[in-house]
């Protein structure tokens, strides 16, 4: 499954269809200021002061009882939406917002505005695949109810702020496909409330992150962890193990990681494993064939040796998923001597 599709599926519970409630006057004023901050948009024909903002279009969702605007949803489907400019400060005046979704809007540029810190009810923030730039702002840690943060596919630069680790409800962190540098903060998920019902997911792929993966991340029972296509080094085996009972997707490909794969215990829940293009050594242990859910597997471009296991799902994996290792043998590669 593509990364963007995975993120969307994890965020879907935060999107609601629009209602027909009577819009709150203060929210209407903020929405009109939001619209007017752009030179020209597809909103001009529907976002009118003379009409109820809760009935404008699917971009706005209101609470059925209070009439307060609870979500903004802008997704550029077949060029149906055009937002040219920066995210307006007026978005911070929509004080009842719990969901913001700006996606696939290449003309949306500039930094993430500090006025977002006024949105104390915000649970889900998506600004993905846009032209937004600047740093990942540390002020995001001032959103106490934030559970889902997807700001991937932009032009964000600088380092990952350690302050994100102070959010006790933040279960999804998506900073993929940016220009981020430095190390992964050891603080991420450190203060996550253990009683949360949502399994954590971490998407940092497609950046320029360096150094070792911090060992405290080994204490997190992830559903998905994708650190691929960075410049990470050292041992990452502590992210795996039988105790990771929720782990579905594990992608550490295209880094400089080194550990003995033959000594790693893999959880039974695992469906996707990609550790290709690293410096991982050892063997592929026979016990991996007991993983009945394993559907994707790639260990190519490493330093693995020994016989490829033949049971379980392994007959389904093509030879390209084992290519360019030190001395792997057995089907689908050459027979072992």
C-alpha atoms as a PDB file:
ATOM      1  CA  UNK A   1       0.000   0.000   0.000  1.00  0.00           C
ATOM      2  CA  UNK A   2       1.348   3.468  -0.881  1.00  0.00           C
ATOM      3  CA  UNK A   3       2.435   5.644   2.021  1.00  0.00           C
ATOM      4  CA  UNK A   4      -0.109   8.395   1.267  1.00  0.00           C
ATOM      5  CA  UNK A   5      -2.927   5.833   1.206  1.00  0.00           C
ATOM      6  CA  UNK A   6      -1.779   4.405   4.538  1.00  0.00           C
ATOM      7  CA  UNK A   7      -1.819   7.849   6.133  1.00  0.00           C
ATOM      8  CA  UNK A   8      -5.295   8.594   4.746  1.00  0.00           C
ATOM      9  CA  UNK A   9      -6.699   5.360   6.170  1.00  0.00           C
ATOM     10  CA  UNK A  10      -5.291   6.160   9.587  1.00  0.00           C
ATOM     11  CA  UNK A  11      -6.797   9.652   9.475  1.00  0.00           C
ATOM     12  CA  UNK A  12     -10.261   8.812   8.124  1.00  0.00           C
ATOM     13  CA  UNK A  13     -11.952   8.703  11.556  1.00  0.00           C
ATOM     14  CA  UNK A  14     -11.334  12.443  11.842  1.00  0.00           C
ATOM     15  CA  UNK A  15     -13.277  13.416   8.698  1.00  0.00           C
ATOM     16  CA  UNK A  16     -16.995  14.035   8.958  1.00  0.00           C
ATOM     17  CA  UNK A  17     -19.578  14.993   6.339  1.00  0.00           C
ATOM     18  CA  UNK A  18     -20.926  18.549   6.431  1.00  0.00           C
ATOM     19  CA  UNK A  19     -24.138  19.389   8.272  1.00  0.00           C
ATOM     20  CA  UNK A  20     -26.951  21.878   7.790  1.00  0.00           C
ATOM     21  CA  UNK A  21     -26.602  23.683  11.140  1.00  0.00           C
ATOM     22  CA  UNK A  22     -26.905  27.462  11.389  1.00  0.00           C
ATOM     23  CA  UNK A  23     -23.357  28.800  11.275  1.00  0.00           C
ATOM     24  CA  UNK A  24     -21.975  30.777  14.203  1.00  0.00           C
ATOM     25  CA  UNK A  25     -21.415  34.449  13.279  1.00  0.00           C
ATOM     26  CA  UNK A  26     -17.834  34.489  14.564  1.00  0.00           C
ATOM     27  CA  UNK A  27     -16.960  31.421  12.513  1.00  0.00           C
ATOM     28  CA  UNK A  28     -18.523  32.881   9.373  1.00  0.00           C
ATOM     29  CA  UNK A  29     -16.405  35.995   9.784  1.00  0.00           C
ATOM     30  CA  UNK A  30     -13.258  33.885  10.125  1.00  0.00           C
ATOM     31  CA  UNK A  31     -14.132  31.782   7.059  1.00  0.00           C
ATOM     32  CA  UNK A  32     -14.734  34.876   4.923  1.00  0.00           C
ATOM     33  CA  UNK A  33     -11.377  36.270   6.046  1.00  0.00           C
ATOM     34  CA  UNK A  34      -9.836  32.887   5.192  1.00  0.00           C
ATOM     35  CA  UNK A  35     -11.308  33.039   1.675  1.00  0.00           C
ATOM     36  CA  UNK A  36     -10.376  36.700   1.115  1.00  0.00           C
ATOM     37  CA  UNK A  37      -6.729  36.064   1.980  1.00  0.00           C
ATOM     38  CA  UNK A  38      -6.342  34.219  -1.323  1.00  0.00           C
ATOM     39  CA  UNK A  39      -6.321  36.231  -4.552  1.00  0.00           C
ATOM     40  CA  UNK A  40      -8.758  33.953  -6.317  1.00  0.00           C
ATOM     41  CA  UNK A  41     -10.241  30.627  -5.284  1.00  0.00           C
ATOM     42  CA  UNK A  42     -13.002  28.234  -6.246  1.00  0.00           C
ATOM     43  CA  UNK A  43     -14.739  29.329  -3.026  1.00  0.00           C
ATOM     44  CA  UNK A  44     -15.848  32.747  -4.310  1.00  0.00           C
ATOM     45  CA  UNK A  45     -19.108  31.472  -5.814  1.00  0.00           C
ATOM     46  CA  UNK A  46     -20.312  29.597  -2.703  1.00  0.00           C
ATOM     47  CA  UNK A  47     -18.742  31.283   0.322  1.00  0.00           C
ATOM     48  CA  UNK A  48     -21.123  34.244   0.513  1.00  0.00           C
ATOM     49  CA  UNK A  49     -21.846  36.454   3.514  1.00  0.00           C
ATOM     50  CA  UNK A  50     -25.569  36.296   2.743  1.00  0.00           C
ATOM     51  CA  UNK A  51     -25.815  32.506   3.202  1.00  0.00           C
ATOM     52  CA  UNK A  52     -25.330  30.026   6.044  1.00  0.00           C
ATOM     53  CA  UNK A  53     -21.685  28.929   6.109  1.00  0.00           C
ATOM     54  CA  UNK A  54     -22.646  25.440   7.319  1.00  0.00           C
ATOM     55  CA  UNK A  55     -24.341  24.869   3.967  1.00  0.00           C
ATOM     56  CA  UNK A  56     -21.637  26.334   1.746  1.00  0.00           C
ATOM     57  CA  UNK A  57     -19.946  23.101   0.594  1.00  0.00           C
ATOM     58  CA  UNK A  58     -18.139  19.966   1.735  1.00  0.00           C
ATOM     59  CA  UNK A  59     -15.088  21.978   2.781  1.00  0.00           C
ATOM     60  CA  UNK A  60     -16.848  23.069   5.968  1.00  0.00           C
ATOM     61  CA  UNK A  61     -18.325  20.849   8.674  1.00  0.00           C
ATOM     62  CA  UNK A  62     -20.418  22.203  11.545  1.00  0.00           C
ATOM     63  CA  UNK A  63     -21.581  20.783  14.825  1.00  0.00           C
ATOM     64  CA  UNK A  64     -25.268  19.840  14.554  1.00  0.00           C
ATOM     65  CA  UNK A  65     -26.130  21.394  17.914  1.00  0.00           C
ATOM     66  CA  UNK A  66     -23.948  24.493  18.267  1.00  0.00           C
ATOM     67  CA  UNK A  67     -23.409  25.492  14.646  1.00  0.00           C
ATOM     68  CA  UNK A  68     -19.678  25.872  15.320  1.00  0.00           C
ATOM     69  CA  UNK A  69     -17.284  24.955  12.504  1.00  0.00           C
ATOM     70  CA  UNK A  70     -15.478  21.753  13.519  1.00  0.00           C
ATOM     71  CA  UNK A  71     -13.510  20.867  10.383  1.00  0.00           C
ATOM     72  CA  UNK A  72     -11.939  22.326   7.271  1.00  0.00           C
ATOM     73  CA  UNK A  73     -11.302  19.840   4.471  1.00  0.00           C
ATOM     74  CA  UNK A  74      -9.479  20.821   1.266  1.00  0.00           C
ATOM     75  CA  UNK A  75      -8.329  18.032  -1.027  1.00  0.00           C
ATOM     76  CA  UNK A  76      -7.391  18.854  -4.604  1.00  0.00           C
ATOM     77  CA  UNK A  77      -9.273  16.166  -6.506  1.00  0.00           C
ATOM     78  CA  UNK A  78      -8.872  16.643 -10.275  1.00  0.00           C
ATOM     79  CA  UNK A  79      -7.967  20.328  -9.790  1.00  0.00           C
ATOM     80  CA  UNK A  80     -11.354  21.036  -8.221  1.00  0.00           C
ATOM     81  CA  UNK A  81      -9.806  23.176  -5.454  1.00  0.00           C
ATOM     82  CA  UNK A  82      -7.356  26.040  -5.795  1.00  0.00           C
ATOM     83  CA  UNK A  83      -5.721  27.758  -2.822  1.00  0.00           C
ATOM     84  CA  UNK A  84      -2.934  30.083  -3.963  1.00  0.00           C
ATOM     85  CA  UNK A  85      -0.943  31.607  -1.129  1.00  0.00           C
ATOM     86  CA  UNK A  86      -0.154  30.968   2.518  1.00  0.00           C
ATOM     87  CA  UNK A  87      -2.357  29.403   5.176  1.00  0.00           C
ATOM     88  CA  UNK A  88      -4.205  32.447   6.575  1.00  0.00           C
ATOM     89  CA  UNK A  89      -3.932  33.552  10.183  1.00  0.00           C
ATOM     90  CA  UNK A  90      -7.743  33.605  10.230  1.00  0.00           C
ATOM     91  CA  UNK A  91      -7.795  29.815  10.568  1.00  0.00           C
ATOM     92  CA  UNK A  92      -6.823  30.347  14.200  1.00  0.00           C
ATOM     93  CA  UNK A  93     -10.107  32.180  14.820  1.00  0.00           C
ATOM     94  CA  UNK A  94     -12.119  28.999  14.197  1.00  0.00           C
ATOM     95  CA  UNK A  95     -11.786  28.071  17.853  1.00  0.00           C
ATOM     96  CA  UNK A  96     -14.008  24.949  17.687  1.00  0.00           C
ATOM     97  CA  UNK A  97     -11.957  23.208  14.974  1.00  0.00           C
ATOM     98  CA  UNK A  98     -10.975  19.633  15.725  1.00  0.00           C
ATOM     99  CA  UNK A  99      -9.844  18.705  12.191  1.00  0.00           C
ATOM    100  CA  UNK A 100      -7.828  20.538   9.514  1.00  0.00           C
ATOM    101  CA  UNK A 101      -7.072  18.776   6.237  1.00  0.00           C
ATOM    102  CA  UNK A 102      -5.145  20.538   3.445  1.00  0.00           C
ATOM    103  CA  UNK A 103      -3.863  17.974   0.938  1.00  0.00           C
ATOM    104  CA  UNK A 104      -2.506  17.930  -2.631  1.00  0.00           C
ATOM    105  CA  UNK A 105      -2.483  21.717  -2.923  1.00  0.00           C
ATOM    106  CA  UNK A 106       0.851  22.633  -4.581  1.00  0.00           C
ATOM    107  CA  UNK A 107       0.058  26.372  -4.665  1.00  0.00           C
ATOM    108  CA  UNK A 108      -0.398  26.469  -0.890  1.00  0.00           C
ATOM    109  CA  UNK A 109       2.935  27.904   0.280  1.00  0.00           C
ATOM    110  CA  UNK A 110       4.651  29.628   3.163  1.00  0.00           C
ATOM    111  CA  UNK A 111       5.138  28.482   6.756  1.00  0.00           C
ATOM    112  CA  UNK A 112       2.730  26.778   9.127  1.00  0.00           C
ATOM    113  CA  UNK A 113       1.127  29.751  10.937  1.00  0.00           C
ATOM    114  CA  UNK A 114       1.569  30.202  14.707  1.00  0.00           C
ATOM    115  CA  UNK A 115      -2.123  31.103  15.006  1.00  0.00           C
ATOM    116  CA  UNK A 116      -2.818  27.358  15.035  1.00  0.00           C
ATOM    117  CA  UNK A 117      -1.884  27.374  18.708  1.00  0.00           C
ATOM    118  CA  UNK A 118      -5.236  29.079  19.395  1.00  0.00           C
ATOM    119  CA  UNK A 119      -7.026  25.869  18.365  1.00  0.00           C
ATOM    120  CA  UNK A 120      -7.062  24.093  21.721  1.00  0.00           C
ATOM    121  CA  UNK A 121      -9.630  21.527  20.512  1.00  0.00           C
ATOM    122  CA  UNK A 122      -7.648  20.432  17.447  1.00  0.00           C
ATOM    123  CA  UNK A 123      -7.226  16.654  17.265  1.00  0.00           C
ATOM    124  CA  UNK A 124      -6.099  16.119  13.664  1.00  0.00           C
ATOM    125  CA  UNK A 125      -3.825  18.335  11.559  1.00  0.00           C
ATOM    126  CA  UNK A 126      -3.043  17.398   7.958  1.00  0.00           C
ATOM    127  CA  UNK A 127      -1.009  19.648   5.665  1.00  0.00           C
ATOM    128  CA  UNK A 128       0.329  17.174   3.123  1.00  0.00           C
ATOM    129  CA  UNK A 129       1.672  17.329  -0.428  1.00  0.00           C
ATOM    130  CA  UNK A 130       1.673  21.116  -0.621  1.00  0.00           C
ATOM    131  CA  UNK A 131       4.262  23.838  -1.148  1.00  0.00           C
ATOM    132  CA  UNK A 132       4.385  24.677   2.551  1.00  0.00           C
ATOM    133  CA  UNK A 133       7.935  25.359   3.752  1.00  0.00           C
ATOM    134  CA  UNK A 134       9.899  26.491   6.788  1.00  0.00           C
ATOM    135  CA  UNK A 135      10.573  24.484   9.941  1.00  0.00           C
ATOM    136  CA  UNK A 136       8.440  21.938  11.725  1.00  0.00           C
ATOM    137  CA  UNK A 137       7.234  24.431  14.318  1.00  0.00           C
ATOM    138  CA  UNK A 138       7.857  23.621  17.988  1.00  0.00           C
ATOM    139  CA  UNK A 139       4.623  25.451  18.805  1.00  0.00           C
ATOM    140  CA  UNK A 140       2.668  22.405  17.627  1.00  0.00           C
ATOM    141  CA  UNK A 141       3.354  20.998  21.090  1.00  0.00           C
ATOM    142  CA  UNK A 142       0.911  23.620  22.426  1.00  0.00           C
ATOM    143  CA  UNK A 143      -2.032  21.726  20.912  1.00  0.00           C
ATOM    144  CA  UNK A 144      -2.931  19.575  23.939  1.00  0.00           C
ATOM    145  CA  UNK A 145      -5.527  17.321  22.252  1.00  0.00           C
ATOM    146  CA  UNK A 146      -3.561  16.644  19.056  1.00  0.00           C
ATOM    147  CA  UNK A 147      -3.702  12.977  18.105  1.00  0.00           C
ATOM    148  CA  UNK A 148      -2.844  12.925  14.395  1.00  0.00           C
ATOM    149  CA  UNK A 149      -0.118  15.055  12.762  1.00  0.00           C
ATOM    150  CA  UNK A 150       0.474  14.582   9.031  1.00  0.00           C
ATOM    151  CA  UNK A 151       2.683  17.286   7.530  1.00  0.00           C
ATOM    152  CA  UNK A 152       4.453  15.086   4.996  1.00  0.00           C
ATOM    153  CA  UNK A 153       5.150  15.732   1.334  1.00  0.00           C
ATOM    154  CA  UNK A 154       6.045  19.392   1.756  1.00  0.00           C
ATOM    155  CA  UNK A 155       9.264  21.447   1.712  1.00  0.00           C
ATOM    156  CA  UNK A 156       9.816  21.584   5.454  1.00  0.00           C
ATOM    157  CA  UNK A 157      13.427  21.857   6.599  1.00  0.00           C
ATOM    158  CA  UNK A 158      15.451  21.945   9.788  1.00  0.00           C
ATOM    159  CA  UNK A 159      15.227  19.454  12.609  1.00  0.00           C
ATOM    160  CA  UNK A 160      12.368  17.570  14.278  1.00  0.00           C
ATOM    161  CA  UNK A 161      11.418  19.470  17.442  1.00  0.00           C
ATOM    162  CA  UNK A 162      11.820  17.308  20.570  1.00  0.00           C
ATOM    163  CA  UNK A 163       8.812  19.126  22.053  1.00  0.00           C
ATOM    164  CA  UNK A 164       6.479  16.923  19.976  1.00  0.00           C
ATOM    165  CA  UNK A 165       7.228  14.238  22.558  1.00  0.00           C
ATOM    166  CA  UNK A 166       5.380  16.238  25.201  1.00  0.00           C
ATOM    167  CA  UNK A 167       2.003  15.568  23.553  1.00  0.00           C
ATOM    168  CA  UNK A 168       0.289  12.835  25.544  1.00  0.00           C
ATOM    169  CA  UNK A 169      -2.275  11.922  22.864  1.00  0.00           C
ATOM    170  CA  UNK A 170      -0.190  12.140  19.685  1.00  0.00           C
ATOM    171  CA  UNK A 171      -0.241   8.667  18.114  1.00  0.00           C
ATOM    172  CA  UNK A 172       0.463   9.454  14.447  1.00  0.00           C
ATOM    173  CA  UNK A 173       3.496  11.497  13.418  1.00  0.00           C
ATOM    174  CA  UNK A 174       3.866  11.925   9.650  1.00  0.00           C
ATOM    175  CA  UNK A 175       6.854  14.058   8.588  1.00  0.00           C
ATOM    176  CA  UNK A 176       7.749  12.018   5.499  1.00  0.00           C
ATOM    177  CA  UNK A 177       9.069  13.414   2.178  1.00  0.00           C
ATOM    178  CA  UNK A 178      10.440  16.706   3.430  1.00  0.00           C
ATOM    179  CA  UNK A 179      13.984  18.056   3.773  1.00  0.00           C
ATOM    180  CA  UNK A 180      14.488  17.394   7.462  1.00  0.00           C
ATOM    181  CA  UNK A 181      17.977  16.974   8.889  1.00  0.00           C
ATOM    182  CA  UNK A 182      19.557  16.069  12.204  1.00  0.00           C
ATOM    183  CA  UNK A 183      18.694  13.155  14.446  1.00  0.00           C
ATOM    184  CA  UNK A 184      15.388  11.615  15.516  1.00  0.00           C
ATOM    185  CA  UNK A 185      14.496  13.021  18.952  1.00  0.00           C
ATOM    186  CA  UNK A 186      14.561  10.431  21.720  1.00  0.00           C
ATOM    187  CA  UNK A 187      11.558  12.184  23.277  1.00  0.00           C
ATOM    188  CA  UNK A 188       9.023  11.112  20.619  1.00  0.00           C
ATOM    189  CA  UNK A 189       6.123   9.161  22.213  1.00  0.00           C
ATOM    190  CA  UNK A 190       7.823   9.312  25.629  1.00  0.00           C
ATOM    191  CA  UNK A 191       4.780  10.890  27.287  1.00  0.00           C
ATOM    192  CA  UNK A 192       2.124   9.120  25.246  1.00  0.00           C
ATOM    193  CA  UNK A 193      -0.796   8.072  27.428  1.00  0.00           C
ATOM    194  CA  UNK A 194      -0.586   4.280  27.655  1.00  0.00           C
ATOM    195  CA  UNK A 195      -4.371   3.991  27.815  1.00  0.00           C
ATOM    196  CA  UNK A 196      -4.862   5.383  24.303  1.00  0.00           C
ATOM    197  CA  UNK A 197      -6.816   3.042  22.037  1.00  0.00           C
ATOM    198  CA  UNK A 198      -4.935   4.030  18.861  1.00  0.00           C
ATOM    199  CA  UNK A 199      -1.706   2.210  18.060  1.00  0.00           C
ATOM    200  CA  UNK A 200       1.222   4.576  17.351  1.00  0.00           C
ATOM    201  CA  UNK A 201       2.549   5.116  13.832  1.00  0.00           C
ATOM    202  CA  UNK A 202       5.725   6.942  12.803  1.00  0.00           C
ATOM    203  CA  UNK A 203       6.405   8.087   9.219  1.00  0.00           C
ATOM    204  CA  UNK A 204       9.774   9.827   8.732  1.00  0.00           C
ATOM    205  CA  UNK A 205      10.773   8.452   5.318  1.00  0.00           C
ATOM    206  CA  UNK A 206      12.269  10.520   2.514  1.00  0.00           C
ATOM    207  CA  UNK A 207      14.295  12.994   4.568  1.00  0.00           C
ATOM    208  CA  UNK A 208      17.992  13.496   5.374  1.00  0.00           C
ATOM    209  CA  UNK A 209      17.954  12.287   8.961  1.00  0.00           C
ATOM    210  CA  UNK A 210      21.238  11.050  10.378  1.00  0.00           C
ATOM    211  CA  UNK A 211      22.642   9.269  13.406  1.00  0.00           C
ATOM    212  CA  UNK A 212      21.328   6.349  15.391  1.00  0.00           C
ATOM    213  CA  UNK A 213      17.684   5.548  15.995  1.00  0.00           C
ATOM    214  CA  UNK A 214      17.041   6.473  19.646  1.00  0.00           C
ATOM    215  CA  UNK A 215      16.647   3.445  21.890  1.00  0.00           C
ATOM    216  CA  UNK A 216      13.503   4.761  23.717  1.00  0.00           C
ATOM    217  CA  UNK A 217      11.554   4.123  20.502  1.00  0.00           C
ATOM    218  CA  UNK A 218      12.052   0.438  21.279  1.00  0.00           C
ATOM    219  CA  UNK A 219       9.577   0.855  24.126  1.00  0.00           C
ATOM    220  CA  UNK A 220       6.778   1.827  21.733  1.00  0.00           C
ATOM    221  CA  UNK A 221       4.446  -0.870  20.394  1.00  0.00           C
ATOM    222  CA  UNK A 222       4.067   0.573  16.895  1.00  0.00           C
ATOM    223  CA  UNK A 223       1.527  -0.383  14.267  1.00  0.00           C
ATOM    224  CA  UNK A 224       3.653   1.183  11.547  1.00  0.00           C
ATOM    225  CA  UNK A 225       7.205   2.491  11.551  1.00  0.00           C
ATOM    226  CA  UNK A 226       8.680   3.862   8.323  1.00  0.00           C
ATOM    227  CA  UNK A 227      12.134   5.431   8.550  1.00  0.00           C
ATOM    228  CA  UNK A 228      13.151   4.550   4.994  1.00  0.00           C
ATOM    229  CA  UNK A 229      15.255   6.653   2.642  1.00  0.00           C
ATOM    230  CA  UNK A 230      17.307   8.542   5.226  1.00  0.00           C
ATOM    231  CA  UNK A 231      20.926   8.362   6.405  1.00  0.00           C
ATOM    232  CA  UNK A 232      20.428   6.488   9.655  1.00  0.00           C
ATOM    233  CA  UNK A 233      23.145   4.242  11.049  1.00  0.00           C
ATOM    234  CA  UNK A 234      23.735   1.691  13.795  1.00  0.00           C
ATOM    235  CA  UNK A 235      21.560  -1.021  15.296  1.00  0.00           C
ATOM    236  CA  UNK A 236      17.780  -1.000  14.781  1.00  0.00           C
ATOM    237  CA  UNK A 237      16.994  -4.538  15.951  1.00  0.00           C
ATOM    238  CA  UNK A 238      15.502  -3.219  19.226  1.00  0.00           C
ATOM    239  CA  UNK A 239      12.508  -1.951  17.231  1.00  0.00           C
ATOM    240  CA  UNK A 240      11.521  -5.579  16.600  1.00  0.00           C
ATOM    241  CA  UNK A 241      10.790  -8.508  18.883  1.00  0.00           C
ATOM    242  CA  UNK A 242       7.925 -10.715  20.044  1.00  0.00           C
ATOM    243  CA  UNK A 243       6.651  -7.977  22.352  1.00  0.00           C
ATOM    244  CA  UNK A 244       5.734  -5.766  19.362  1.00  0.00           C
ATOM    245  CA  UNK A 245       2.323  -7.396  19.117  1.00  0.00           C
ATOM    246  CA  UNK A 246       0.733  -4.627  17.031  1.00  0.00           C
ATOM    247  CA  UNK A 247       3.454  -4.229  14.422  1.00  0.00           C
ATOM    248  CA  UNK A 248       2.030  -4.446  10.901  1.00  0.00           C
ATOM    249  CA  UNK A 249       4.502  -2.493   8.732  1.00  0.00           C
ATOM    250  CA  UNK A 250       8.249  -2.127   9.272  1.00  0.00           C
ATOM    251  CA  UNK A 251      10.267  -0.206   6.655  1.00  0.00           C
ATOM    252  CA  UNK A 252      13.859   0.808   7.329  1.00  0.00           C
ATOM    253  CA  UNK A 253      15.096   0.508   3.746  1.00  0.00           C
ATOM    254  CA  UNK A 254      17.730   2.757   2.178  1.00  0.00           C
ATOM    255  CA  UNK A 255      19.770   3.692   5.218  1.00  0.00           C
ATOM    256  CA  UNK A 256      23.141   2.596   6.612  1.00  0.00           C
ATOM    257  CA  UNK A 257      21.900   0.303   9.376  1.00  0.00           C
ATOM    258  CA  UNK A 258      23.910  -2.639  10.713  1.00  0.00           C
ATOM    259  CA  UNK A 259      22.689  -5.542  12.842  1.00  0.00           C
ATOM    260  CA  UNK A 260      22.504  -9.336  12.834  1.00  0.00           C
ATOM    261  CA  UNK A 261      19.185 -10.239  11.233  1.00  0.00           C
ATOM    262  CA  UNK A 262      19.560 -13.883  12.266  1.00  0.00           C
ATOM    263  CA  UNK A 263      19.168 -12.931  15.928  1.00  0.00           C
ATOM    264  CA  UNK A 264      16.025 -10.860  15.503  1.00  0.00           C
ATOM    265  CA  UNK A 265      12.650 -12.131  16.720  1.00  0.00           C
ATOM    266  CA  UNK A 266       9.794 -10.945  14.500  1.00  0.00           C
ATOM    267  CA  UNK A 267       6.242 -10.458  15.809  1.00  0.00           C
ATOM    268  CA  UNK A 268       3.467 -12.660  14.455  1.00  0.00           C
ATOM    269  CA  UNK A 269       1.427  -9.597  13.490  1.00  0.00           C
ATOM    270  CA  UNK A 270       3.962  -8.483  10.865  1.00  0.00           C
ATOM    271  CA  UNK A 271       2.663  -8.151   7.289  1.00  0.00           C
ATOM    272  CA  UNK A 272       5.244  -5.908   5.607  1.00  0.00           C
ATOM    273  CA  UNK A 273       8.995  -5.970   6.174  1.00  0.00           C
ATOM    274  CA  UNK A 274      11.487  -3.968   4.090  1.00  0.00           C
ATOM    275  CA  UNK A 275      15.075  -3.645   5.321  1.00  0.00           C
ATOM    276  CA  UNK A 276      16.656  -3.462   1.850  1.00  0.00           C
ATOM    277  CA  UNK A 277      19.632  -1.245   0.960  1.00  0.00           C
ATOM    278  CA  UNK A 278      21.422  -1.352   4.329  1.00  0.00           C
ATOM    279  CA  UNK A 279      24.458  -3.139   5.787  1.00  0.00           C
ATOM    280  CA  UNK A 280      22.482  -5.822   7.620  1.00  0.00           C
ATOM    281  CA  UNK A 281      24.300  -9.131   8.063  1.00  0.00           C
ATOM    282  CA  UNK A 282      23.686 -12.643   9.382  1.00  0.00           C
ATOM    283  CA  UNK A 283      21.105 -15.070   8.014  1.00  0.00           C
ATOM    284  CA  UNK A 284      17.371 -15.241   7.379  1.00  0.00           C
ATOM    285  CA  UNK A 285      16.185 -17.449  10.263  1.00  0.00           C
ATOM    286  CA  UNK A 286      13.911 -20.402   9.521  1.00  0.00           C
ATOM    287  CA  UNK A 287      11.484 -19.284  12.243  1.00  0.00           C
ATOM    288  CA  UNK A 288      10.431 -16.394  10.003  1.00  0.00           C
ATOM    289  CA  UNK A 289       8.335 -18.882   8.016  1.00  0.00           C
ATOM    290  CA  UNK A 290       5.926 -19.032  10.989  1.00  0.00           C
ATOM    291  CA  UNK A 291       4.737 -15.499  10.208  1.00  0.00           C
ATOM    292  CA  UNK A 292       1.427 -16.394   8.560  1.00  0.00           C
ATOM    293  CA  UNK A 293       0.492 -12.767   7.809  1.00  0.00           C
ATOM    294  CA  UNK A 294       3.726 -11.851   6.056  1.00  0.00           C
ATOM    295  CA  UNK A 295       2.836 -10.605   2.566  1.00  0.00           C
ATOM    296  CA  UNK A 296       5.712  -8.257   1.678  1.00  0.00           C
ATOM    297  CA  UNK A 297       9.378  -9.005   2.321  1.00  0.00           C
ATOM    298  CA  UNK A 298      12.517  -7.327   0.953  1.00  0.00           C
ATOM    299  CA  UNK A 299      16.075  -7.881   2.231  1.00  0.00           C
ATOM    300  CA  UNK A 300      17.931  -7.028  -0.997  1.00  0.00           C
ATOM    301  CA  UNK A 301      21.188  -5.043  -1.048  1.00  0.00           C
ATOM    302  CA  UNK A 302      22.541  -6.145   2.319  1.00  0.00           C
ATOM    303  CA  UNK A 303      25.262  -8.526   3.589  1.00  0.00           C
ATOM    304  CA  UNK A 304      23.136 -11.576   4.364  1.00  0.00           C
ATOM    305  CA  UNK A 305      24.339 -15.166   4.004  1.00  0.00           C
ATOM    306  CA  UNK A 306      22.940 -18.658   4.238  1.00  0.00           C
ATOM    307  CA  UNK A 307      19.957 -20.580   2.928  1.00  0.00           C
ATOM    308  CA  UNK A 308      16.691 -18.799   2.181  1.00  0.00           C
ATOM    309  CA  UNK A 309      13.821 -20.372   4.157  1.00  0.00           C
ATOM    310  CA  UNK A 310      11.387 -22.348   2.021  1.00  0.00           C
ATOM    311  CA  UNK A 311       8.206 -22.540   4.079  1.00  0.00           C
ATOM    312  CA  UNK A 312       5.324 -20.214   4.833  1.00  0.00           C
ATOM    313  CA  UNK A 313       4.955 -17.264   2.455  1.00  0.00           C
ATOM    314  CA  UNK A 314       8.511 -17.469   1.151  1.00  0.00           C
ATOM    315  CA  UNK A 315       7.771 -19.232  -2.162  1.00  0.00           C
ATOM    316  CA  UNK A 316       5.797 -16.074  -3.096  1.00  0.00           C
ATOM    317  CA  UNK A 317       8.785 -13.720  -2.931  1.00  0.00           C
ATOM    318  CA  UNK A 318      10.680 -13.112  -6.174  1.00  0.00           C
ATOM    319  CA  UNK A 319      14.482 -13.263  -6.377  1.00  0.00           C
ATOM    320  CA  UNK A 320      14.719  -9.461  -6.637  1.00  0.00           C
ATOM    321  CA  UNK A 321      13.824  -9.277  -2.946  1.00  0.00           C
ATOM    322  CA  UNK A 322      17.027 -11.178  -2.080  1.00  0.00           C
ATOM    323  CA  UNK A 323      19.364  -9.727  -4.727  1.00  0.00           C
ATOM    324  CA  UNK A 324      22.791  -8.220  -4.026  1.00  0.00           C
ATOM    325  CA  UNK A 325      23.572  -9.909  -0.735  1.00  0.00           C
ATOM    326  CA  UNK A 326      26.861 -11.466   0.311  1.00  0.00           C
ATOM    327  CA  UNK A 327      26.068 -15.158  -0.018  1.00  0.00           C
ATOM    328  CA  UNK A 328      22.376 -16.017   0.121  1.00  0.00           C
ATOM    329  CA  UNK A 329      21.409 -19.225  -1.642  1.00  0.00           C
ATOM    330  CA  UNK A 330      18.432 -21.454  -2.264  1.00  0.00           C
ATOM    331  CA  UNK A 331      15.229 -20.805  -4.177  1.00  0.00           C
ATOM    332  CA  UNK A 332      14.571 -18.430  -5.824  1.00  0.00           C
ATOM    333  CA  UNK A 333      18.366 -17.833  -6.054  1.00  0.00           C
ATOM    334  CA  UNK A 334      21.028 -20.364  -7.013  1.00  0.00           C
ATOM    335  CA  UNK A 335      21.085 -23.698  -5.109  1.00  0.00           C
ATOM    336  CA  UNK A 336      23.197 -23.907  -1.985  1.00  0.00           C
ATOM    337  CA  UNK A 337      26.429 -25.898  -2.365  1.00  0.00           C
END
